Structure formats: C-alpha cells, structure tokens
C-alpha cells in the first residue's frame, strides 16, 4: 500500500507532468506558427514524453493501491521571443522538474518506501538527460546567433526527432 503522504506527492507530480506537457505543446504550436516546423516537432515529442511521464506515475499509483486524483492544469505561456529564449525557458523548467523529482525521491526514502524510490530512479536519470538535451540545443543556438542558415540547419536536425516509448511504459505493454 502506498503511503498517503507519498500518494499526495505523486498526485502533485502527475499534475506537474501534465503542466509540462501542456507547456511543450504550447511551445510546439508557437514554433509551428513561426514556420520552424523542426523546432515545433522537437517540442511535440517533448509533449508526448511528458504525457508518458504522467502515465508512468498514474500506473504506479494505481499499482500500489493508491488513488490518482487529477487536478486542473494551470495556464501556460503561449509566446516566446526566439528559439533561444524558449530553450532557455525549457532548461529552467527542467531544472524545476529535477528538483521536484529529487524531493519525491527524498520523501520515498523518508517514509522508507524503497519500491517508490526505485521507480523514481528512472526519473532521476531521465532528468539528467532532459537537462542535457536542452543545454546542448542552447549551446548550438548561441553558436548560431543571428545566422539564418544555421537556424535552418538546426530546425532540420530537430525535425528528425522521433518519439520513443519510455521503458517503464514499454515494459508494461
């Protein structure tokens, strides 16, 4: 049985994951509208990943006998001044998510729920990857500066990204 304090924290995280998905969908639509379909694609994949993260948490809460209680999703921004600005905001947001995951991990240890701690280890590793991906794109965008051809090439590169089902969901199928 899932500890009530941990169940409540997981429900907050589910909401945070859906908010993240909503944010990335908004970013995708912003860049689609700006004619940067590759960047829009990158964010659409992020949108799918965040939905999957929420699903992993929901499946876990249910599997442990807890109750998922979905809450309203707060509004997200809808405009960014540039791709660099958007990816800087992405990195900032992913650092917040990392902090949330770390807090969940600490709570799981505090209540001695080692199964939850082990499930959260996947998210700890995932957050390292999320921050690194955003940082790499920021570095490229800074290198590109105002070079339109460079932005075009990066847009093409980001357009080739495809969605991969996260391993916790793939193993559940």
N, C-alpha and C. Protein backbone atom coordinates (compact mmCIF):
# COMPACT_ATOMS: atom_id res chain seq x y z
N UNK A 1 0.84 -1.18 0.00
CA UNK A 1 0.00 0.00 0.00
C UNK A 1 0.88 1.25 0.00
N UNK A 2 0.48 2.21 -0.76
CA UNK A 2 1.23 3.45 -0.89
C UNK A 2 0.95 4.37 0.30
N UNK A 3 2.01 4.88 0.89
CA UNK A 3 1.92 5.85 1.98
C UNK A 3 1.11 7.06 1.50
N UNK A 4 0.18 7.56 2.31
CA UNK A 4 -0.71 8.66 1.93
C UNK A 4 0.06 9.93 1.59
N UNK A 5 1.10 10.22 2.35
CA UNK A 5 1.92 11.41 2.09
C UNK A 5 2.59 11.29 0.71
N UNK A 6 3.06 10.10 0.39
CA UNK A 6 3.70 9.87 -0.91
C UNK A 6 2.66 9.87 -2.03
N UNK A 7 1.50 9.30 -1.76
CA UNK A 7 0.41 9.31 -2.76
C UNK A 7 0.04 10.75 -3.13
N UNK A 8 -0.08 11.61 -2.13
CA UNK A 8 -0.41 13.03 -2.39
C UNK A 8 0.70 13.69 -3.21
N UNK A 9 1.94 13.38 -2.88
CA UNK A 9 3.07 13.96 -3.62
C UNK A 9 3.10 13.46 -5.06
N UNK A 10 2.79 12.18 -5.26
CA UNK A 10 2.72 11.64 -6.62
C UNK A 10 1.61 12.32 -7.41
N UNK A 11 0.48 12.58 -6.77
CA UNK A 11 -0.60 13.27 -7.47
C UNK A 11 -0.20 14.68 -7.88
N UNK A 12 0.55 15.36 -7.03
CA UNK A 12 1.07 16.69 -7.41
C UNK A 12 2.03 16.57 -8.59
N UNK A 13 2.84 15.52 -8.59
CA UNK A 13 3.79 15.33 -9.69
C UNK A 13 3.06 15.01 -10.99
N UNK A 14 1.99 14.25 -10.91
CA UNK A 14 1.19 13.95 -12.11
C UNK A 14 0.70 15.26 -12.71
N UNK A 15 0.20 16.16 -11.87
CA UNK A 15 -0.24 17.46 -12.35
C UNK A 15 0.91 18.24 -12.98
N UNK A 16 2.08 18.18 -12.34
CA UNK A 16 3.26 18.88 -12.88
C UNK A 16 3.67 18.31 -14.23
N UNK A 17 3.55 17.00 -14.40
CA UNK A 17 3.90 16.38 -15.68
C UNK A 17 2.92 16.80 -16.77
N UNK A 18 1.63 16.86 -16.43
CA UNK A 18 0.65 17.31 -17.41
C UNK A 18 0.85 18.80 -17.74
N UNK A 19 1.22 19.60 -16.72
CA UNK A 19 1.51 21.02 -16.99
C UNK A 19 2.70 21.13 -17.94
N UNK A 20 3.71 20.30 -17.71
CA UNK A 20 4.88 20.29 -18.59
C UNK A 20 4.47 19.93 -20.01
N UNK A 21 3.62 18.93 -20.15
CA UNK A 21 3.15 18.52 -21.47
C UNK A 21 2.43 19.70 -22.15
N UNK A 22 1.59 20.36 -21.39
CA UNK A 22 0.83 21.50 -21.91
C UNK A 22 1.78 22.63 -22.33
N UNK A 23 2.80 22.87 -21.53
CA UNK A 23 3.81 23.89 -21.86
C UNK A 23 4.48 23.55 -23.18
N UNK A 24 4.92 22.31 -23.33
CA UNK A 24 5.64 21.92 -24.54
C UNK A 24 4.72 21.89 -25.76
N UNK A 25 3.45 21.58 -25.57
CA UNK A 25 2.51 21.67 -26.68
C UNK A 25 2.36 23.13 -27.10
N UNK A 26 2.30 24.03 -26.14
CA UNK A 26 2.21 25.46 -26.44
C UNK A 26 3.45 25.92 -27.21
N UNK A 27 4.61 25.46 -26.79
CA UNK A 27 5.85 25.83 -27.49
C UNK A 27 5.84 25.26 -28.91
N UNK A 28 5.38 24.04 -29.06
CA UNK A 28 5.30 23.44 -30.39
C UNK A 28 4.41 24.27 -31.31
N UNK A 29 3.26 24.65 -30.82
CA UNK A 29 2.33 25.44 -31.63
C UNK A 29 2.92 26.81 -31.96
N UNK A 30 3.63 27.41 -31.01
CA UNK A 30 4.27 28.70 -31.24
C UNK A 30 5.25 28.62 -32.40
N UNK A 31 6.08 27.59 -32.41
CA UNK A 31 7.10 27.49 -33.46
C UNK A 31 6.54 26.98 -34.78
N UNK A 32 5.48 26.20 -34.72
CA UNK A 32 4.79 25.82 -35.96
C UNK A 32 4.26 27.07 -36.62
N UNK A 33 3.67 27.95 -35.83
CA UNK A 33 3.14 29.21 -36.34
C UNK A 33 4.24 30.11 -36.90
N UNK A 34 5.45 30.01 -36.33
CA UNK A 34 6.58 30.83 -36.77
C UNK A 34 7.30 30.23 -37.98
N UNK A 35 6.84 29.08 -38.47
CA UNK A 35 7.46 28.46 -39.64
C UNK A 35 8.68 27.62 -39.31
N UNK A 36 8.87 27.29 -38.05
CA UNK A 36 10.01 26.46 -37.63
C UNK A 36 9.48 25.07 -37.24
N UNK A 37 9.15 24.31 -38.27
CA UNK A 37 8.48 23.02 -38.04
C UNK A 37 9.38 22.00 -37.35
N UNK A 38 10.68 22.11 -37.50
CA UNK A 38 11.59 21.19 -36.83
C UNK A 38 11.61 21.42 -35.33
N UNK A 39 11.69 22.68 -34.94
CA UNK A 39 11.65 23.02 -33.51
C UNK A 39 10.27 22.65 -32.96
N UNK A 40 9.22 22.91 -33.76
CA UNK A 40 7.87 22.51 -33.35
C UNK A 40 7.81 21.01 -33.12
N UNK A 41 8.43 20.24 -33.99
CA UNK A 41 8.47 18.78 -33.84
C UNK A 41 9.18 18.38 -32.55
N UNK A 42 10.32 19.02 -32.26
CA UNK A 42 11.07 18.69 -31.05
C UNK A 42 10.17 18.88 -29.82
N UNK A 43 9.44 20.00 -29.79
CA UNK A 43 8.56 20.26 -28.66
C UNK A 43 7.35 19.34 -28.65
N UNK A 44 6.87 18.93 -29.82
CA UNK A 44 5.75 17.99 -29.85
C UNK A 44 6.18 16.64 -29.26
N UNK A 45 7.42 16.23 -29.50
CA UNK A 45 7.94 14.99 -28.91
C UNK A 45 8.05 15.17 -27.39
N UNK A 46 8.50 16.35 -26.96
CA UNK A 46 8.55 16.63 -25.51
C UNK A 46 7.16 16.53 -24.89
N UNK A 47 6.18 17.07 -25.60
CA UNK A 47 4.78 16.98 -25.16
C UNK A 47 4.39 15.52 -24.94
N UNK A 48 4.70 14.67 -25.89
CA UNK A 48 4.37 13.25 -25.77
C UNK A 48 5.12 12.59 -24.61
N UNK A 49 6.39 12.96 -24.45
CA UNK A 49 7.17 12.39 -23.36
C UNK A 49 6.60 12.76 -21.99
N UNK A 50 6.18 14.00 -21.84
CA UNK A 50 5.64 14.44 -20.55
C UNK A 50 4.31 13.75 -20.26
N UNK A 51 3.50 13.53 -21.28
CA UNK A 51 2.27 12.77 -21.09
C UNK A 51 2.61 11.35 -20.63
N UNK A 52 3.63 10.77 -21.24
CA UNK A 52 4.06 9.43 -20.86
C UNK A 52 4.55 9.40 -19.42
N UNK A 53 5.27 10.44 -19.00
CA UNK A 53 5.75 10.50 -17.62
C UNK A 53 4.56 10.52 -16.65
N UNK A 54 3.54 11.30 -16.98
CA UNK A 54 2.33 11.33 -16.15
C UNK A 54 1.70 9.94 -16.10
N UNK A 55 1.67 9.26 -17.25
CA UNK A 55 1.08 7.92 -17.30
C UNK A 55 1.86 6.94 -16.43
N UNK A 56 3.18 7.05 -16.44
CA UNK A 56 4.02 6.17 -15.60
C UNK A 56 3.65 6.38 -14.13
N UNK A 57 3.53 7.63 -13.73
CA UNK A 57 3.16 7.92 -12.34
C UNK A 57 1.75 7.40 -12.02
N UNK A 58 0.81 7.62 -12.93
CA UNK A 58 -0.56 7.16 -12.68
C UNK A 58 -0.62 5.64 -12.56
N UNK A 59 0.06 4.96 -13.47
CA UNK A 59 0.09 3.49 -13.42
C UNK A 59 0.69 3.01 -12.10
N UNK A 60 1.75 3.69 -11.67
CA UNK A 60 2.43 3.29 -10.43
C UNK A 60 1.53 3.50 -9.21
N UNK A 61 0.89 4.65 -9.13
CA UNK A 61 0.00 4.92 -8.01
C UNK A 61 -1.11 3.87 -7.96
N UNK A 62 -1.71 3.57 -9.09
CA UNK A 62 -2.76 2.56 -9.13
C UNK A 62 -2.24 1.18 -8.75
N UNK A 63 -1.08 0.83 -9.25
CA UNK A 63 -0.49 -0.48 -8.96
C UNK A 63 -0.21 -0.65 -7.46
N UNK A 64 0.09 0.46 -6.80
CA UNK A 64 0.41 0.40 -5.37
C UNK A 64 -0.82 0.61 -4.48
N UNK A 65 -2.02 0.60 -5.07
CA UNK A 65 -3.23 0.70 -4.28
C UNK A 65 -3.62 2.12 -3.90
N UNK A 66 -2.96 3.08 -4.53
CA UNK A 66 -3.30 4.48 -4.27
C UNK A 66 -4.42 4.94 -5.17
N UNK A 67 -4.75 6.20 -5.05
CA UNK A 67 -5.81 6.79 -5.88
C UNK A 67 -5.26 8.01 -6.60
N UNK A 68 -5.38 8.00 -7.92
CA UNK A 68 -4.98 9.15 -8.73
C UNK A 68 -6.12 10.16 -8.69
N UNK A 69 -5.78 11.39 -8.34
CA UNK A 69 -6.76 12.46 -8.31
C UNK A 69 -6.26 13.59 -9.21
N UNK A 70 -6.83 13.66 -10.41
CA UNK A 70 -6.41 14.67 -11.37
C UNK A 70 -6.91 16.05 -10.94
N UNK A 71 -6.04 17.02 -11.09
CA UNK A 71 -6.34 18.40 -10.71
C UNK A 71 -6.31 19.28 -11.96
N UNK A 72 -6.91 20.46 -11.88
CA UNK A 72 -6.85 21.38 -13.04
C UNK A 72 -5.40 21.73 -13.39
N UNK A 73 -5.18 21.95 -14.66
CA UNK A 73 -3.86 22.35 -15.13
C UNK A 73 -3.85 23.86 -15.32
N UNK A 74 -2.91 24.51 -14.66
CA UNK A 74 -2.82 25.97 -14.77
C UNK A 74 -2.40 26.38 -16.18
N UNK A 75 -2.72 27.59 -16.55
CA UNK A 75 -2.38 28.13 -17.86
C UNK A 75 -0.86 28.17 -18.04
N UNK A 76 -0.44 28.08 -19.29
CA UNK A 76 0.98 28.13 -19.63
C UNK A 76 1.22 29.32 -20.55
N UNK A 77 2.47 29.77 -20.66
CA UNK A 77 2.78 30.82 -21.64
C UNK A 77 2.44 30.34 -23.06
N UNK A 78 2.25 31.29 -23.95
CA UNK A 78 1.92 30.92 -25.33
C UNK A 78 2.83 31.56 -26.38
N UNK A 79 3.75 32.41 -25.96
CA UNK A 79 4.65 33.08 -26.91
C UNK A 79 6.06 33.13 -26.36
N UNK A 80 7.03 32.97 -27.26
CA UNK A 80 8.45 33.10 -26.92
C UNK A 80 9.08 33.97 -27.98
N UNK A 81 10.01 34.81 -27.54
CA UNK A 81 10.59 35.79 -28.47
C UNK A 81 11.54 35.18 -29.48
N UNK A 82 12.10 34.00 -29.14
CA UNK A 82 13.06 33.35 -30.05
C UNK A 82 13.22 31.89 -29.64
N UNK A 83 13.78 31.08 -30.54
CA UNK A 83 14.08 29.70 -30.14
C UNK A 83 15.03 29.65 -28.93
N UNK A 84 16.02 30.54 -28.90
CA UNK A 84 16.95 30.55 -27.77
C UNK A 84 16.20 30.83 -26.47
N UNK A 85 15.32 31.81 -26.48
CA UNK A 85 14.52 32.13 -25.30
C UNK A 85 13.69 30.92 -24.86
N UNK A 86 13.08 30.23 -25.80
CA UNK A 86 12.25 29.07 -25.48
C UNK A 86 13.08 27.94 -24.87
N UNK A 87 14.25 27.68 -25.44
CA UNK A 87 15.07 26.60 -24.91
C UNK A 87 15.69 26.97 -23.56
N UNK A 88 15.97 28.25 -23.35
CA UNK A 88 16.42 28.68 -22.02
C UNK A 88 15.31 28.46 -21.00
N UNK A 89 14.07 28.77 -21.39
CA UNK A 89 12.93 28.53 -20.51
C UNK A 89 12.72 27.03 -20.29
N UNK A 90 12.98 26.25 -21.32
CA UNK A 90 12.88 24.79 -21.20
C UNK A 90 13.88 24.27 -20.18
N UNK A 91 15.12 24.72 -20.27
CA UNK A 91 16.14 24.27 -19.32
C UNK A 91 15.77 24.69 -17.90
N UNK A 92 15.33 25.92 -17.76
CA UNK A 92 14.91 26.41 -16.44
C UNK A 92 13.77 25.54 -15.89
N UNK A 93 12.81 25.22 -16.73
CA UNK A 93 11.68 24.39 -16.31
C UNK A 93 12.15 22.97 -15.95
N UNK A 94 13.03 22.40 -16.75
CA UNK A 94 13.50 21.05 -16.46
C UNK A 94 14.28 21.00 -15.14
N UNK A 95 14.95 22.07 -14.80
CA UNK A 95 15.64 22.12 -13.51
C UNK A 95 14.63 22.12 -12.36
N UNK A 96 13.50 22.78 -12.56
CA UNK A 96 12.43 22.75 -11.55
C UNK A 96 11.90 21.32 -11.42
N UNK A 97 11.67 20.66 -12.55
CA UNK A 97 11.18 19.29 -12.52
C UNK A 97 12.18 18.37 -11.83
N UNK A 98 13.47 18.57 -12.10
CA UNK A 98 14.51 17.79 -11.43
C UNK A 98 14.40 17.95 -9.92
N UNK A 99 14.19 19.17 -9.47
CA UNK A 99 14.03 19.44 -8.05
C UNK A 99 12.81 18.71 -7.48
N UNK A 100 11.71 18.71 -8.24
CA UNK A 100 10.51 18.01 -7.80
C UNK A 100 10.75 16.50 -7.68
N UNK A 101 11.44 15.94 -8.65
CA UNK A 101 11.75 14.50 -8.63
C UNK A 101 12.67 14.20 -7.45
N UNK A 102 13.66 15.04 -7.23
CA UNK A 102 14.57 14.83 -6.09
C UNK A 102 13.81 14.88 -4.77
N UNK A 103 12.84 15.80 -4.67
CA UNK A 103 12.03 15.88 -3.45
C UNK A 103 11.20 14.61 -3.26
N UNK A 104 10.65 14.08 -4.34
CA UNK A 104 9.90 12.82 -4.26
C UNK A 104 10.79 11.68 -3.81
N UNK A 105 12.00 11.63 -4.37
CA UNK A 105 12.95 10.59 -4.01
C UNK A 105 13.27 10.67 -2.52
N UNK A 106 13.52 11.88 -2.03
CA UNK A 106 13.82 12.08 -0.61
C UNK A 106 12.63 11.67 0.26
N UNK A 107 11.43 12.00 -0.18
CA UNK A 107 10.24 11.62 0.57
C UNK A 107 10.09 10.09 0.61
N UNK A 108 10.33 9.44 -0.51
CA UNK A 108 10.25 7.97 -0.56
C UNK A 108 11.23 7.36 0.44
N UNK A 109 12.42 7.93 0.52
CA UNK A 109 13.40 7.44 1.50
C UNK A 109 12.94 7.73 2.92
N UNK A 110 12.38 8.93 3.13
CA UNK A 110 11.92 9.32 4.47
C UNK A 110 10.86 8.36 5.00
N UNK A 111 9.91 7.96 4.13
CA UNK A 111 8.84 7.07 4.57
C UNK A 111 9.21 5.60 4.36
N UNK A 112 10.46 5.37 3.99
CA UNK A 112 11.01 4.02 3.81
C UNK A 112 10.24 3.19 2.78
N UNK A 113 9.85 3.86 1.68
CA UNK A 113 9.17 3.18 0.58
C UNK A 113 10.19 2.97 -0.53
N UNK A 114 10.89 1.85 -0.44
CA UNK A 114 12.00 1.59 -1.35
C UNK A 114 11.54 1.22 -2.75
N UNK A 115 10.34 0.68 -2.87
CA UNK A 115 9.79 0.41 -4.20
C UNK A 115 9.57 1.73 -4.95
N UNK A 116 9.03 2.71 -4.24
CA UNK A 116 8.82 4.02 -4.88
C UNK A 116 10.15 4.68 -5.19
N UNK A 117 11.09 4.56 -4.29
CA UNK A 117 12.41 5.12 -4.54
C UNK A 117 13.02 4.51 -5.80
N UNK A 118 12.87 3.19 -5.94
CA UNK A 118 13.41 2.53 -7.13
C UNK A 118 12.71 2.98 -8.40
N UNK A 119 11.39 3.18 -8.36
CA UNK A 119 10.67 3.68 -9.53
C UNK A 119 11.16 5.08 -9.88
N UNK A 120 11.42 5.88 -8.85
CA UNK A 120 11.86 7.27 -9.07
C UNK A 120 13.27 7.35 -9.63
N UNK A 121 14.08 6.32 -9.45
CA UNK A 121 15.44 6.31 -10.01
C UNK A 121 15.41 6.51 -11.52
N UNK A 122 14.41 5.92 -12.20
CA UNK A 122 14.29 6.09 -13.65
C UNK A 122 14.11 7.58 -13.98
N UNK A 123 13.29 8.26 -13.18
CA UNK A 123 13.04 9.69 -13.41
C UNK A 123 14.27 10.54 -13.10
N UNK A 124 15.04 10.15 -12.11
CA UNK A 124 16.28 10.87 -11.79
C UNK A 124 17.21 10.85 -13.01
N UNK A 125 17.37 9.68 -13.59
CA UNK A 125 18.22 9.54 -14.78
C UNK A 125 17.62 10.29 -15.96
N UNK A 126 16.32 10.21 -16.12
CA UNK A 126 15.63 10.90 -17.20
C UNK A 126 15.85 12.41 -17.12
N UNK A 127 15.85 12.95 -15.93
CA UNK A 127 16.03 14.39 -15.77
C UNK A 127 17.44 14.84 -16.15
N UNK A 128 18.43 14.01 -15.90
CA UNK A 128 19.79 14.34 -16.35
C UNK A 128 19.79 14.48 -17.87
N UNK A 129 19.13 13.55 -18.54
CA UNK A 129 19.03 13.58 -20.00
C UNK A 129 18.25 14.80 -20.48
N UNK A 130 17.13 15.10 -19.82
CA UNK A 130 16.31 16.25 -20.22
C UNK A 130 17.10 17.56 -20.15
N UNK A 131 17.79 17.76 -19.04
CA UNK A 131 18.57 18.99 -18.88
C UNK A 131 19.71 19.05 -19.91
N UNK A 132 20.37 17.93 -20.13
CA UNK A 132 21.48 17.88 -21.08
C UNK A 132 20.99 18.19 -22.50
N UNK A 133 19.86 17.61 -22.90
CA UNK A 133 19.33 17.87 -24.25
C UNK A 133 19.03 19.35 -24.46
N UNK A 134 18.37 19.96 -23.50
CA UNK A 134 18.05 21.39 -23.62
C UNK A 134 19.33 22.22 -23.65
N UNK A 135 20.28 21.88 -22.81
CA UNK A 135 21.54 22.62 -22.76
C UNK A 135 22.31 22.52 -24.08
N UNK A 136 22.33 21.34 -24.68
CA UNK A 136 23.03 21.18 -25.96
C UNK A 136 22.41 22.05 -27.05
N UNK A 137 21.08 22.13 -27.07
CA UNK A 137 20.42 22.96 -28.07
C UNK A 137 20.68 24.43 -27.80
N UNK A 138 20.70 24.83 -26.54
CA UNK A 138 21.03 26.21 -26.18
C UNK A 138 22.43 26.56 -26.69
N UNK A 139 23.38 25.67 -26.47
CA UNK A 139 24.75 25.92 -26.94
C UNK A 139 24.79 26.08 -28.45
N UNK A 140 24.05 25.26 -29.18
CA UNK A 140 24.00 25.39 -30.64
C UNK A 140 23.37 26.71 -31.06
N UNK A 141 22.28 27.09 -30.39
CA UNK A 141 21.61 28.34 -30.73
C UNK A 141 22.50 29.55 -30.43
N UNK A 142 23.26 29.49 -29.38
CA UNK A 142 24.19 30.59 -29.08
C UNK A 142 25.29 30.66 -30.13
N UNK A 143 25.74 29.52 -30.58
CA UNK A 143 26.76 29.47 -31.62
C UNK A 143 26.21 30.03 -32.93
N UNK A 144 24.96 29.71 -33.23
CA UNK A 144 24.30 30.16 -34.46
C UNK A 144 24.10 31.67 -34.44
N UNK A 145 23.72 32.22 -33.29
CA UNK A 145 23.46 33.66 -33.20
C UNK A 145 22.36 34.07 -34.16
N UNK A 146 22.64 35.02 -35.03
CA UNK A 146 21.66 35.53 -35.98
C UNK A 146 21.82 34.93 -37.37
N UNK A 147 22.55 33.83 -37.48
CA UNK A 147 22.78 33.18 -38.77
C UNK A 147 21.54 32.38 -39.19
N UNK A 148 20.83 32.89 -40.18
CA UNK A 148 19.61 32.24 -40.65
C UNK A 148 19.84 30.84 -41.17
N UNK A 149 20.96 30.63 -41.87
CA UNK A 149 21.25 29.30 -42.40
C UNK A 149 21.51 28.32 -41.26
N UNK A 150 22.19 28.79 -40.22
CA UNK A 150 22.43 27.93 -39.06
C UNK A 150 21.12 27.54 -38.39
N UNK A 151 20.19 28.49 -38.24
CA UNK A 151 18.90 28.19 -37.65
C UNK A 151 18.13 27.22 -38.53
N UNK A 152 18.22 27.42 -39.84
CA UNK A 152 17.55 26.50 -40.78
C UNK A 152 18.09 25.08 -40.60
N UNK A 153 19.40 24.94 -40.50
CA UNK A 153 20.00 23.61 -40.34
C UNK A 153 19.62 22.97 -39.01
N UNK A 154 19.60 23.75 -37.94
CA UNK A 154 19.20 23.21 -36.64
C UNK A 154 17.72 22.82 -36.68
N UNK A 155 16.90 23.62 -37.32
CA UNK A 155 15.48 23.31 -37.45
C UNK A 155 15.31 21.97 -38.18
N UNK A 156 16.10 21.75 -39.21
CA UNK A 156 16.04 20.47 -39.93
C UNK A 156 16.47 19.31 -39.03
N UNK A 157 17.53 19.52 -38.27
CA UNK A 157 18.02 18.49 -37.35
C UNK A 157 16.96 18.12 -36.32
N UNK A 158 16.33 19.13 -35.72
CA UNK A 158 15.34 18.88 -34.68
C UNK A 158 14.06 18.27 -35.25
N UNK A 159 13.84 18.49 -36.53
CA UNK A 159 12.68 17.90 -37.20
C UNK A 159 12.79 16.40 -37.37
N UNK A 160 13.99 15.86 -37.24
CA UNK A 160 14.17 14.41 -37.42
C UNK A 160 13.95 13.62 -36.13
N UNK A 161 13.71 14.31 -35.04
CA UNK A 161 13.49 13.62 -33.77
C UNK A 161 12.19 12.82 -33.82
N UNK A 162 12.22 11.61 -33.27
CA UNK A 162 11.03 10.78 -33.21
C UNK A 162 10.74 10.37 -31.77
N UNK A 163 9.50 10.04 -31.53
CA UNK A 163 9.07 9.64 -30.19
C UNK A 163 9.43 8.17 -29.94
N UNK A 164 9.94 7.91 -28.76
CA UNK A 164 10.23 6.56 -28.30
C UNK A 164 9.49 6.35 -26.99
N UNK A 165 8.75 5.27 -26.91
CA UNK A 165 8.01 4.96 -25.68
C UNK A 165 9.01 4.76 -24.55
N UNK A 166 8.84 5.46 -23.42
CA UNK A 166 9.74 5.26 -22.28
C UNK A 166 9.71 3.81 -21.78
N UNK A 167 10.84 3.32 -21.34
CA UNK A 167 10.95 1.92 -20.94
C UNK A 167 9.95 1.48 -19.88
N UNK A 168 9.59 2.31 -18.88
CA UNK A 168 8.58 1.84 -17.92
C UNK A 168 7.22 1.56 -18.55
N UNK A 169 6.90 2.27 -19.63
CA UNK A 169 5.63 2.02 -20.33
C UNK A 169 5.79 0.87 -21.32
N UNK A 170 6.94 0.80 -21.97
CA UNK A 170 7.17 -0.26 -22.95
C UNK A 170 7.16 -1.62 -22.27
N UNK A 171 7.71 -1.71 -21.07
CA UNK A 171 7.77 -2.98 -20.36
C UNK A 171 6.41 -3.38 -19.79
N UNK A 172 5.48 -2.41 -19.70
CA UNK A 172 4.15 -2.69 -19.17
C UNK A 172 3.22 -3.22 -20.25
N UNK A 173 3.64 -3.08 -21.52
CA UNK A 173 2.77 -3.49 -22.64
C UNK A 173 2.80 -4.98 -22.86
